[in-house]
């Protein structure tokens, strides 16, 4: 592994600040741990993400990039990690996702369509404005503990290379151009119900759709799980719906109208 990575990281250094960098980086990571697909997103606050690189087939790119950028990114655990307090490093999706992520409507309605066995991401801060996630995806099997340790071993070099390449290479104008929906995260969730919901109910909607259980929401808002369930029933009643799937559909329609 060290010989392969040493050779590949040298190629990455040569490719810095050139269009070939991201592809060279993906090849370098694959030289030590095999996987199926790479996608690299740049996150500038709540603005629409920057699609920096991917090696998807055209069909997969439509789902993982085009549809993702239309709104599902707002509930993506890696996006939320990039805008929250999660420290830089290598993360398995399941380790940063909310406690009910895999039972939530975002997973059932969007993420499950990807057919992925596992997603692991390098999370890093390129500069004060830009966070980057280099995602590695597998369709057949999860990354083993040994493979994850290897990725952890090369993480400092991947972090440094990406910061060197993108901290100045992604210009502020690009970030501003991507932000066509300012403050989209809070605005979209608050707009659900067209003013019919109370601020507390809007918070419940947001945390529910992001994949938190009633118990987790209660801890975050300092209220009891029972109170959370009462708020959720009130939301369903006001919106005249009966399921989280219908709530997710309303959220997506709200995004389209924002």
C-alpha atoms as a PDB file:
ATOM      1  CA  UNK A   1       0.000   0.000   0.000  1.00  0.00           C
ATOM      2  CA  UNK A   2       2.644   2.655   0.888  1.00  0.00           C
ATOM      3  CA  UNK A   3       4.458   2.199  -2.452  1.00  0.00           C
ATOM      4  CA  UNK A   4       1.229   2.518  -4.462  1.00  0.00           C
ATOM      5  CA  UNK A   5       0.075   5.542  -2.491  1.00  0.00           C
ATOM      6  CA  UNK A   6       3.491   7.219  -2.631  1.00  0.00           C
ATOM      7  CA  UNK A   7       3.547   6.895  -6.400  1.00  0.00           C
ATOM      8  CA  UNK A   8      -0.039   8.039  -6.828  1.00  0.00           C
ATOM      9  CA  UNK A   9       0.229  10.962  -4.412  1.00  0.00           C
ATOM     10  CA  UNK A  10       3.249  12.180  -6.398  1.00  0.00           C
ATOM     11  CA  UNK A  11       1.059  12.152  -9.511  1.00  0.00           C
ATOM     12  CA  UNK A  12      -1.573  14.115  -7.588  1.00  0.00           C
ATOM     13  CA  UNK A  13       1.036  16.720  -6.685  1.00  0.00           C
ATOM     14  CA  UNK A  14       1.964  17.081 -10.349  1.00  0.00           C
ATOM     15  CA  UNK A  15      -1.735  17.490 -11.237  1.00  0.00           C
ATOM     16  CA  UNK A  16      -2.464  20.217  -8.683  1.00  0.00           C
ATOM     17  CA  UNK A  17      -4.338  23.211 -10.142  1.00  0.00           C
ATOM     18  CA  UNK A  18      -4.919  21.398 -13.436  1.00  0.00           C
ATOM     19  CA  UNK A  19      -8.183  19.911 -14.795  1.00  0.00           C
ATOM     20  CA  UNK A  20      -6.734  16.420 -14.294  1.00  0.00           C
ATOM     21  CA  UNK A  21      -6.398  16.711 -10.517  1.00  0.00           C
ATOM     22  CA  UNK A  22      -9.717  15.194  -9.398  1.00  0.00           C
ATOM     23  CA  UNK A  23      -9.437  12.213 -11.737  1.00  0.00           C
ATOM     24  CA  UNK A  24      -5.839  11.654 -10.615  1.00  0.00           C
ATOM     25  CA  UNK A  25      -6.901  11.833  -6.970  1.00  0.00           C
ATOM     26  CA  UNK A  26      -9.650   9.246  -7.537  1.00  0.00           C
ATOM     27  CA  UNK A  27      -7.145   6.940  -9.244  1.00  0.00           C
ATOM     28  CA  UNK A  28      -4.764   7.398  -6.321  1.00  0.00           C
ATOM     29  CA  UNK A  29      -7.389   6.425  -3.747  1.00  0.00           C
ATOM     30  CA  UNK A  30      -8.416   3.440  -5.873  1.00  0.00           C
ATOM     31  CA  UNK A  31      -4.801   2.273  -5.921  1.00  0.00           C
ATOM     32  CA  UNK A  32      -5.073   1.448  -2.211  1.00  0.00           C
ATOM     33  CA  UNK A  33      -8.803   0.699  -1.765  1.00  0.00           C
ATOM     34  CA  UNK A  34     -11.092  -0.376  -4.601  1.00  0.00           C
ATOM     35  CA  UNK A  35     -14.572   1.098  -4.982  1.00  0.00           C
ATOM     36  CA  UNK A  36     -17.106   1.804  -7.740  1.00  0.00           C
ATOM     37  CA  UNK A  37     -17.832   5.531  -7.980  1.00  0.00           C
ATOM     38  CA  UNK A  38     -16.380   8.866  -6.898  1.00  0.00           C
ATOM     39  CA  UNK A  39     -18.259  12.130  -6.494  1.00  0.00           C
ATOM     40  CA  UNK A  40     -16.841  15.368  -5.115  1.00  0.00           C
ATOM     41  CA  UNK A  41     -19.093  18.198  -3.968  1.00  0.00           C
ATOM     42  CA  UNK A  42     -18.168  21.623  -2.680  1.00  0.00           C
ATOM     43  CA  UNK A  43     -20.476  23.134  -0.060  1.00  0.00           C
ATOM     44  CA  UNK A  44     -20.652  26.874   0.567  1.00  0.00           C
ATOM     45  CA  UNK A  45     -23.014  27.281   3.493  1.00  0.00           C
ATOM     46  CA  UNK A  46     -26.619  26.551   2.507  1.00  0.00           C
ATOM     47  CA  UNK A  47     -26.075  27.462  -1.134  1.00  0.00           C
ATOM     48  CA  UNK A  48     -26.595  25.037  -3.979  1.00  0.00           C
ATOM     49  CA  UNK A  49     -23.557  22.688  -3.916  1.00  0.00           C
ATOM     50  CA  UNK A  50     -20.765  22.805  -6.477  1.00  0.00           C
ATOM     51  CA  UNK A  51     -20.422  19.587  -8.472  1.00  0.00           C
ATOM     52  CA  UNK A  52     -16.624  19.433  -8.669  1.00  0.00           C
ATOM     53  CA  UNK A  53     -16.100  15.931 -10.099  1.00  0.00           C
ATOM     54  CA  UNK A  54     -17.709  12.546 -10.635  1.00  0.00           C
ATOM     55  CA  UNK A  55     -17.031   9.351 -12.566  1.00  0.00           C
ATOM     56  CA  UNK A  56     -20.640   8.120 -12.827  1.00  0.00           C
ATOM     57  CA  UNK A  57     -22.276   6.652 -15.885  1.00  0.00           C
ATOM     58  CA  UNK A  58     -24.736   9.115 -17.483  1.00  0.00           C
ATOM     59  CA  UNK A  59     -27.690   7.303 -15.880  1.00  0.00           C
ATOM     60  CA  UNK A  60     -26.168   7.398 -12.430  1.00  0.00           C
ATOM     61  CA  UNK A  61     -25.086  11.011 -12.826  1.00  0.00           C
ATOM     62  CA  UNK A  62     -28.721  12.010 -13.307  1.00  0.00           C
ATOM     63  CA  UNK A  63     -29.605  10.524  -9.913  1.00  0.00           C
ATOM     64  CA  UNK A  64     -26.459  11.261  -7.901  1.00  0.00           C
ATOM     65  CA  UNK A  65     -25.772  14.765  -9.254  1.00  0.00           C
ATOM     66  CA  UNK A  66     -28.604  16.311 -11.280  1.00  0.00           C
ATOM     67  CA  UNK A  67     -31.502  15.206  -9.060  1.00  0.00           C
ATOM     68  CA  UNK A  68     -29.420  15.618  -5.895  1.00  0.00           C
ATOM     69  CA  UNK A  69     -28.795  19.283  -6.687  1.00  0.00           C
ATOM     70  CA  UNK A  70     -32.512  19.917  -7.147  1.00  0.00           C
ATOM     71  CA  UNK A  71     -33.125  19.623  -3.420  1.00  0.00           C
ATOM     72  CA  UNK A  72     -32.337  16.223  -1.833  1.00  0.00           C
ATOM     73  CA  UNK A  73     -28.897  17.531  -0.835  1.00  0.00           C
ATOM     74  CA  UNK A  74     -30.633  19.526   1.911  1.00  0.00           C
ATOM     75  CA  UNK A  75     -31.235  16.318   3.863  1.00  0.00           C
ATOM     76  CA  UNK A  76     -27.989  14.557   2.913  1.00  0.00           C
ATOM     77  CA  UNK A  77     -26.003  13.660   6.066  1.00  0.00           C
ATOM     78  CA  UNK A  78     -22.735  14.666   4.353  1.00  0.00           C
ATOM     79  CA  UNK A  79     -24.147  18.102   3.476  1.00  0.00           C
ATOM     80  CA  UNK A  80     -25.390  18.514   7.040  1.00  0.00           C
ATOM     81  CA  UNK A  81     -21.997  17.401   8.384  1.00  0.00           C
ATOM     82  CA  UNK A  82     -20.248  19.982   6.206  1.00  0.00           C
ATOM     83  CA  UNK A  83     -22.413  22.777   7.634  1.00  0.00           C
ATOM     84  CA  UNK A  84     -22.377  21.501  11.221  1.00  0.00           C
ATOM     85  CA  UNK A  85     -19.858  20.576  13.881  1.00  0.00           C
ATOM     86  CA  UNK A  86     -18.574  17.296  12.418  1.00  0.00           C
ATOM     87  CA  UNK A  87     -14.757  17.458  12.404  1.00  0.00           C
ATOM     88  CA  UNK A  88     -12.742  16.826   9.220  1.00  0.00           C
ATOM     89  CA  UNK A  89     -11.844  13.207   8.589  1.00  0.00           C
ATOM     90  CA  UNK A  90     -13.057  10.018   6.940  1.00  0.00           C
ATOM     91  CA  UNK A  91     -16.668   9.174   7.765  1.00  0.00           C
ATOM     92  CA  UNK A  92     -19.024   6.330   6.974  1.00  0.00           C
ATOM     93  CA  UNK A  93     -22.462   7.646   6.059  1.00  0.00           C
ATOM     94  CA  UNK A  94     -24.069   5.562   8.781  1.00  0.00           C
ATOM     95  CA  UNK A  95     -21.832   7.157  11.436  1.00  0.00           C
ATOM     96  CA  UNK A  96     -22.972  10.730  10.727  1.00  0.00           C
ATOM     97  CA  UNK A  97     -26.610  10.037   9.784  1.00  0.00           C
ATOM     98  CA  UNK A  98     -29.485  10.688  12.225  1.00  0.00           C
ATOM     99  CA  UNK A  99     -30.729   7.741  14.250  1.00  0.00           C
ATOM    100  CA  UNK A 100     -33.710   6.993  11.978  1.00  0.00           C
ATOM    101  CA  UNK A 101     -32.076   7.899   8.674  1.00  0.00           C
ATOM    102  CA  UNK A 102     -32.504   4.443   7.132  1.00  0.00           C
ATOM    103  CA  UNK A 103     -36.198   4.366   8.093  1.00  0.00           C
ATOM    104  CA  UNK A 104     -36.847   7.942   6.964  1.00  0.00           C
ATOM    105  CA  UNK A 105     -38.629   9.116   3.845  1.00  0.00           C
ATOM    106  CA  UNK A 106     -35.476  10.688   2.351  1.00  0.00           C
ATOM    107  CA  UNK A 107     -33.817   7.280   2.373  1.00  0.00           C
ATOM    108  CA  UNK A 108     -36.869   5.434   1.026  1.00  0.00           C
ATOM    109  CA  UNK A 109     -37.801   7.997  -1.622  1.00  0.00           C
ATOM    110  CA  UNK A 110     -34.348   9.041  -2.811  1.00  0.00           C
ATOM    111  CA  UNK A 111     -31.237   7.423  -1.371  1.00  0.00           C
ATOM    112  CA  UNK A 112     -32.451   3.819  -1.676  1.00  0.00           C
ATOM    113  CA  UNK A 113     -32.691   4.337  -5.450  1.00  0.00           C
ATOM    114  CA  UNK A 114     -28.888   4.586  -5.609  1.00  0.00           C
ATOM    115  CA  UNK A 115     -28.561   0.890  -4.752  1.00  0.00           C
ATOM    116  CA  UNK A 116     -25.380   1.575  -2.791  1.00  0.00           C
ATOM    117  CA  UNK A 117     -24.026  -0.897  -0.258  1.00  0.00           C
ATOM    118  CA  UNK A 118     -22.038   1.869   1.455  1.00  0.00           C
ATOM    119  CA  UNK A 119     -20.758   5.408   1.053  1.00  0.00           C
ATOM    120  CA  UNK A 120     -17.637   6.750   2.761  1.00  0.00           C
ATOM    121  CA  UNK A 121     -16.546  10.367   2.529  1.00  0.00           C
ATOM    122  CA  UNK A 122     -13.471  12.479   3.157  1.00  0.00           C
ATOM    123  CA  UNK A 123     -14.817  15.631   4.833  1.00  0.00           C
ATOM    124  CA  UNK A 124     -12.523  18.676   4.779  1.00  0.00           C
ATOM    125  CA  UNK A 125     -12.515  22.469   4.914  1.00  0.00           C
ATOM    126  CA  UNK A 126     -10.789  23.920   1.862  1.00  0.00           C
ATOM    127  CA  UNK A 127     -11.038  27.450   3.261  1.00  0.00           C
ATOM    128  CA  UNK A 128     -13.310  29.507   5.521  1.00  0.00           C
ATOM    129  CA  UNK A 129     -16.151  29.441   2.995  1.00  0.00           C
ATOM    130  CA  UNK A 130     -15.792  26.104   1.235  1.00  0.00           C
ATOM    131  CA  UNK A 131     -16.189  22.576   2.613  1.00  0.00           C
ATOM    132  CA  UNK A 132     -15.532  19.584   0.384  1.00  0.00           C
ATOM    133  CA  UNK A 133     -16.700  15.984   0.551  1.00  0.00           C
ATOM    134  CA  UNK A 134     -14.900  13.352  -1.529  1.00  0.00           C
ATOM    135  CA  UNK A 135     -17.371  10.454  -1.550  1.00  0.00           C
ATOM    136  CA  UNK A 136     -16.404   6.858  -2.337  1.00  0.00           C
ATOM    137  CA  UNK A 137     -19.309   4.568  -3.222  1.00  0.00           C
ATOM    138  CA  UNK A 138     -19.711   0.806  -3.413  1.00  0.00           C
ATOM    139  CA  UNK A 139     -22.651  -1.099  -4.836  1.00  0.00           C
ATOM    140  CA  UNK A 140     -21.784  -4.650  -3.733  1.00  0.00           C
ATOM    141  CA  UNK A 141     -20.190  -4.658  -0.290  1.00  0.00           C
ATOM    142  CA  UNK A 142     -19.261  -2.414   2.599  1.00  0.00           C
ATOM    143  CA  UNK A 143     -15.742  -1.196   3.299  1.00  0.00           C
ATOM    144  CA  UNK A 144     -13.962  -3.506   5.719  1.00  0.00           C
ATOM    145  CA  UNK A 145     -12.324  -2.301   8.921  1.00  0.00           C
ATOM    146  CA  UNK A 146      -8.915  -2.785   7.301  1.00  0.00           C
ATOM    147  CA  UNK A 147      -9.909  -0.766   4.249  1.00  0.00           C
ATOM    148  CA  UNK A 148     -11.326   1.984   6.430  1.00  0.00           C
ATOM    149  CA  UNK A 149      -8.035   2.119   8.363  1.00  0.00           C
ATOM    150  CA  UNK A 150      -6.162   2.496   5.069  1.00  0.00           C
ATOM    151  CA  UNK A 151      -8.426   5.408   4.092  1.00  0.00           C
ATOM    152  CA  UNK A 152      -7.843   6.936   7.515  1.00  0.00           C
ATOM    153  CA  UNK A 153      -4.080   6.579   7.022  1.00  0.00           C
ATOM    154  CA  UNK A 154      -4.119   8.518   3.736  1.00  0.00           C
ATOM    155  CA  UNK A 155      -6.670  11.100   4.955  1.00  0.00           C
ATOM    156  CA  UNK A 156      -4.078  13.761   5.940  1.00  0.00           C
ATOM    157  CA  UNK A 157      -2.568  13.661   2.447  1.00  0.00           C
ATOM    158  CA  UNK A 158      -5.989  13.717   0.736  1.00  0.00           C
ATOM    159  CA  UNK A 159      -7.001  16.645   2.939  1.00  0.00           C
ATOM    160  CA  UNK A 160      -3.839  18.613   2.139  1.00  0.00           C
ATOM    161  CA  UNK A 161      -4.035  17.919  -1.593  1.00  0.00           C
ATOM    162  CA  UNK A 162      -7.685  18.974  -1.819  1.00  0.00           C
ATOM    163  CA  UNK A 163      -7.114  22.125   0.216  1.00  0.00           C
ATOM    164  CA  UNK A 164      -4.156  23.036  -1.969  1.00  0.00           C
ATOM    165  CA  UNK A 165      -6.103  22.442  -5.178  1.00  0.00           C
ATOM    166  CA  UNK A 166      -9.535  23.862  -4.340  1.00  0.00           C
ATOM    167  CA  UNK A 167      -8.926  26.591  -1.774  1.00  0.00           C
ATOM    168  CA  UNK A 168      -7.987  29.001  -4.554  1.00  0.00           C
ATOM    169  CA  UNK A 169      -9.191  27.064  -7.578  1.00  0.00           C
ATOM    170  CA  UNK A 170     -12.888  27.386  -6.693  1.00  0.00           C
ATOM    171  CA  UNK A 171     -13.416  31.101  -6.973  1.00  0.00           C
ATOM    172  CA  UNK A 172     -15.924  33.090  -4.981  1.00  0.00           C
ATOM    173  CA  UNK A 173     -17.779  33.941  -8.177  1.00  0.00           C
ATOM    174  CA  UNK A 174     -18.484  30.235  -8.733  1.00  0.00           C
ATOM    175  CA  UNK A 175     -19.800  29.880  -5.203  1.00  0.00           C
ATOM    176  CA  UNK A 176     -22.025  32.911  -5.590  1.00  0.00           C
ATOM    177  CA  UNK A 177     -23.309  31.672  -8.939  1.00  0.00           C
ATOM    178  CA  UNK A 178     -24.237  28.375  -7.333  1.00  0.00           C
ATOM    179  CA  UNK A 179     -26.240  30.105  -4.633  1.00  0.00           C
ATOM    180  CA  UNK A 180     -29.351  30.771  -6.685  1.00  0.00           C
ATOM    181  CA  UNK A 181     -31.574  29.966  -3.708  1.00  0.00           C
ATOM    182  CA  UNK A 182     -30.199  31.948  -0.742  1.00  0.00           C
ATOM    183  CA  UNK A 183     -30.917  30.544   2.701  1.00  0.00           C
ATOM    184  CA  UNK A 184     -32.658  27.634   1.006  1.00  0.00           C
ATOM    185  CA  UNK A 185     -32.389  25.251   3.919  1.00  0.00           C
ATOM    186  CA  UNK A 186     -34.325  27.269   6.471  1.00  0.00           C
ATOM    187  CA  UNK A 187     -36.585  28.894   3.901  1.00  0.00           C
ATOM    188  CA  UNK A 188     -37.795  25.638   2.372  1.00  0.00           C
ATOM    189  CA  UNK A 189     -38.654  24.013   5.678  1.00  0.00           C
ATOM    190  CA  UNK A 190     -40.381  27.131   7.010  1.00  0.00           C
ATOM    191  CA  UNK A 191     -42.447  27.374   3.829  1.00  0.00           C
ATOM    192  CA  UNK A 192     -43.951  23.898   4.275  1.00  0.00           C
ATOM    193  CA  UNK A 193     -47.624  24.456   5.030  1.00  0.00           C
ATOM    194  CA  UNK A 194     -47.651  27.961   3.568  1.00  0.00           C
ATOM    195  CA  UNK A 195     -47.710  29.647   6.977  1.00  0.00           C
ATOM    196  CA  UNK A 196     -50.134  27.213   8.606  1.00  0.00           C
ATOM    197  CA  UNK A 197     -47.515  25.707  10.933  1.00  0.00           C
ATOM    198  CA  UNK A 198     -46.109  27.206  14.115  1.00  0.00           C
ATOM    199  CA  UNK A 199     -42.315  27.750  14.381  1.00  0.00           C
ATOM    200  CA  UNK A 200     -42.089  24.684  16.647  1.00  0.00           C
ATOM    201  CA  UNK A 201     -44.031  22.567  14.175  1.00  0.00           C
ATOM    202  CA  UNK A 202     -41.711  23.691  11.375  1.00  0.00           C
ATOM    203  CA  UNK A 203     -38.757  22.552  13.484  1.00  0.00           C
ATOM    204  CA  UNK A 204     -40.438  19.164  13.955  1.00  0.00           C
ATOM    205  CA  UNK A 205     -40.975  18.870  10.189  1.00  0.00           C
ATOM    206  CA  UNK A 206     -37.322  19.648   9.450  1.00  0.00           C
ATOM    207  CA  UNK A 207     -35.888  17.234  11.997  1.00  0.00           C
ATOM    208  CA  UNK A 208     -38.349  14.493  11.044  1.00  0.00           C
ATOM    209  CA  UNK A 209     -37.488  14.699   7.351  1.00  0.00           C
ATOM    210  CA  UNK A 210     -33.793  14.713   8.153  1.00  0.00           C
ATOM    211  CA  UNK A 211     -34.216  11.328   9.806  1.00  0.00           C
ATOM    212  CA  UNK A 212     -34.409  11.964  13.536  1.00  0.00           C
ATOM    213  CA  UNK A 213     -36.631   9.847  15.781  1.00  0.00           C
ATOM    214  CA  UNK A 214     -39.101  11.369  18.248  1.00  0.00           C
ATOM    215  CA  UNK A 215     -36.639  10.638  21.047  1.00  0.00           C
ATOM    216  CA  UNK A 216     -33.759  12.378  19.220  1.00  0.00           C
ATOM    217  CA  UNK A 217     -35.949  15.375  18.334  1.00  0.00           C
ATOM    218  CA  UNK A 218     -37.010  15.622  21.960  1.00  0.00           C
ATOM    219  CA  UNK A 219     -33.379  15.774  23.069  1.00  0.00           C
ATOM    220  CA  UNK A 220     -32.507  18.385  20.452  1.00  0.00           C
ATOM    221  CA  UNK A 221     -35.477  20.623  21.323  1.00  0.00           C
ATOM    222  CA  UNK A 222     -35.542  19.853  25.065  1.00  0.00           C
ATOM    223  CA  UNK A 223     -39.090  18.510  24.997  1.00  0.00           C
ATOM    224  CA  UNK A 224     -40.512  15.047  25.627  1.00  0.00           C
ATOM    225  CA  UNK A 225     -40.926  12.462  22.837  1.00  0.00           C
ATOM    226  CA  UNK A 226     -44.645  12.518  23.579  1.00  0.00           C
ATOM    227  CA  UNK A 227     -44.777  16.252  22.911  1.00  0.00           C
ATOM    228  CA  UNK A 228     -42.921  15.679  19.647  1.00  0.00           C
ATOM    229  CA  UNK A 229     -45.558  13.156  18.578  1.00  0.00           C
ATOM    230  CA  UNK A 230     -48.363  15.576  19.457  1.00  0.00           C
ATOM    231  CA  UNK A 231     -46.727  18.279  17.329  1.00  0.00           C
ATOM    232  CA  UNK A 232     -46.341  15.805  14.467  1.00  0.00           C
ATOM    233  CA  UNK A 233     -50.023  14.814  14.660  1.00  0.00           C
ATOM    234  CA  UNK A 234     -50.956  18.502  14.580  1.00  0.00           C
ATOM    235  CA  UNK A 235     -48.755  18.986  11.494  1.00  0.00           C
ATOM    236  CA  UNK A 236     -50.415  16.055   9.721  1.00  0.00           C
ATOM    237  CA  UNK A 237     -53.842  17.402  10.638  1.00  0.00           C
ATOM    238  CA  UNK A 238     -53.100  20.929   9.385  1.00  0.00           C
ATOM    239  CA  UNK A 239     -51.595  19.639   6.143  1.00  0.00           C
ATOM    240  CA  UNK A 240     -54.351  17.015   5.742  1.00  0.00           C
ATOM    241  CA  UNK A 241     -51.892  14.157   5.316  1.00  0.00           C
ATOM    242  CA  UNK A 242     -51.429  10.768   6.961  1.00  0.00           C
ATOM    243  CA  UNK A 243     -47.797   9.784   6.402  1.00  0.00           C
ATOM    244  CA  UNK A 244     -44.200  10.941   6.305  1.00  0.00           C
ATOM    245  CA  UNK A 245     -44.179  10.096   2.605  1.00  0.00           C
ATOM    246  CA  UNK A 246     -46.859  12.709   1.966  1.00  0.00           C
ATOM    247  CA  UNK A 247     -44.926  15.186   4.117  1.00  0.00           C
ATOM    248  CA  UNK A 248     -41.798  14.549   2.050  1.00  0.00           C
ATOM    249  CA  UNK A 249     -43.767  15.129  -1.163  1.00  0.00           C
ATOM    250  CA  UNK A 250     -45.023  18.484   0.157  1.00  0.00           C
ATOM    251  CA  UNK A 251     -41.458  19.410   1.048  1.00  0.00           C
ATOM    252  CA  UNK A 252     -40.231  18.620  -2.476  1.00  0.00           C
ATOM    253  CA  UNK A 253     -43.060  20.671  -3.999  1.00  0.00           C
ATOM    254  CA  UNK A 254     -42.127  23.538  -1.689  1.00  0.00           C
ATOM    255  CA  UNK A 255     -38.536  23.345  -2.924  1.00  0.00           C
ATOM    256  CA  UNK A 256     -39.726  23.563  -6.494  1.00  0.00           C
ATOM    257  CA  UNK A 257     -41.770  26.662  -5.710  1.00  0.00           C
ATOM    258  CA  UNK A 258     -39.064  28.413  -3.677  1.00  0.00           C
END
